[in-house]
């Protein structure tokens, strides 16, 4: 993958993580407020669950990309050792 594309993806993911952090914080706070109706709390609960799910999916994607990069590095190292 091209470094510039990878950097662009990383920046985009960082912004998504930041936004999801905000959504999780706000929805968690709204969920625990006494002034909200049960219907509103249910909505904030659903939002919280969705945001956490997306956050987990993004983390999984990042970890998979890191593993892919490590495997590629190992393959290169092994192929270089075989050529010696």
Protein backbone atom coordinates (compact mmCIF):
# COMPACT_ATOMS: atom_id res chain seq x y z
CA UNK A 1 0.00 0.00 0.00
CA UNK A 2 1.23 3.48 -0.78
CA UNK A 3 2.53 5.39 2.27
CA UNK A 4 0.52 8.51 1.41
CA UNK A 5 -2.69 6.52 1.13
CA UNK A 6 -1.90 4.72 4.37
CA UNK A 7 -1.24 8.03 6.12
CA UNK A 8 -4.52 9.42 4.78
CA UNK A 9 -6.34 6.35 6.09
CA UNK A 10 -4.65 6.70 9.48
CA UNK A 11 -5.69 10.35 9.71
CA UNK A 12 -9.25 9.47 8.77
CA UNK A 13 -9.37 6.70 11.37
CA UNK A 14 -7.92 9.00 14.01
CA UNK A 15 -10.72 11.49 13.34
CA UNK A 16 -13.29 8.69 13.51
CA UNK A 17 -11.88 7.47 16.81
CA UNK A 18 -12.04 11.02 18.16
CA UNK A 19 -15.66 11.46 17.05
CA UNK A 20 -16.63 8.08 18.45
CA UNK A 21 -14.97 9.00 21.76
CA UNK A 22 -17.16 12.09 21.87
CA UNK A 23 -20.33 10.16 20.94
CA UNK A 24 -19.61 7.54 23.58
CA UNK A 25 -18.97 10.17 26.26
CA UNK A 26 -22.06 12.22 25.47
CA UNK A 27 -24.43 9.28 25.09
CA UNK A 28 -23.12 7.71 28.31
CA UNK A 29 -23.67 10.99 30.14
CA UNK A 30 -27.17 11.46 28.68
CA UNK A 31 -28.05 7.86 29.51
CA UNK A 32 -27.37 8.42 33.21
CA UNK A 33 -29.10 11.80 33.55
CA UNK A 34 -32.23 11.74 35.69
CA UNK A 35 -34.13 14.29 33.58
CA UNK A 36 -34.36 12.15 30.44
CA UNK A 37 -37.40 10.03 29.70
CA UNK A 38 -37.14 6.27 29.36
CA UNK A 39 -37.59 6.65 25.61
CA UNK A 40 -34.69 9.11 25.40
CA UNK A 41 -32.51 6.85 27.56
CA UNK A 42 -33.32 3.93 25.28
CA UNK A 43 -32.22 6.00 22.28
CA UNK A 44 -28.98 7.01 23.96
CA UNK A 45 -28.40 3.40 24.98
CA UNK A 46 -28.79 2.26 21.38
CA UNK A 47 -26.46 5.02 20.21
CA UNK A 48 -23.90 4.01 22.84
CA UNK A 49 -24.02 0.36 21.77
CA UNK A 50 -23.67 1.29 18.09
CA UNK A 51 -20.75 3.64 18.74
CA UNK A 52 -18.94 1.01 20.80
CA UNK A 53 -19.53 -1.57 18.06
CA UNK A 54 -18.08 0.71 15.37
CA UNK A 55 -15.14 1.57 17.63
CA UNK A 56 -14.40 -2.13 18.07
CA UNK A 57 -14.59 -2.73 14.31
CA UNK A 58 -12.14 0.09 13.67
CA UNK A 59 -9.75 -1.29 16.28
CA UNK A 60 -9.97 -4.71 14.64
CA UNK A 61 -9.16 -3.18 11.24
CA UNK A 62 -6.15 -1.35 12.65
CA UNK A 63 -4.85 -4.51 14.33
CA UNK A 64 -5.33 -6.55 11.14
CA UNK A 65 -3.38 -3.97 9.12
CA UNK A 66 -0.58 -4.02 11.67
CA UNK A 67 -0.44 -7.81 11.53
CA UNK A 68 -0.42 -7.71 7.73
CA UNK A 69 2.48 -5.27 7.82
CA UNK A 70 4.39 -7.48 10.26
CA UNK A 71 3.82 -10.56 8.08
CA UNK A 72 5.06 -8.68 5.00
CA UNK A 73 8.16 -7.57 6.91
CA UNK A 74 8.82 -11.14 8.03
CA UNK A 75 8.40 -12.42 4.47
CA UNK A 76 10.88 -9.84 3.20
CA UNK A 77 13.34 -10.75 5.93
CA UNK A 78 13.02 -14.46 5.15
CA UNK A 79 13.40 -13.92 1.42
CA UNK A 80 16.49 -11.77 2.03
CA UNK A 81 17.96 -14.50 4.26
CA UNK A 82 17.27 -17.11 1.55
CA UNK A 83 19.08 -14.99 -1.05
CA UNK A 84 22.27 -14.83 1.02
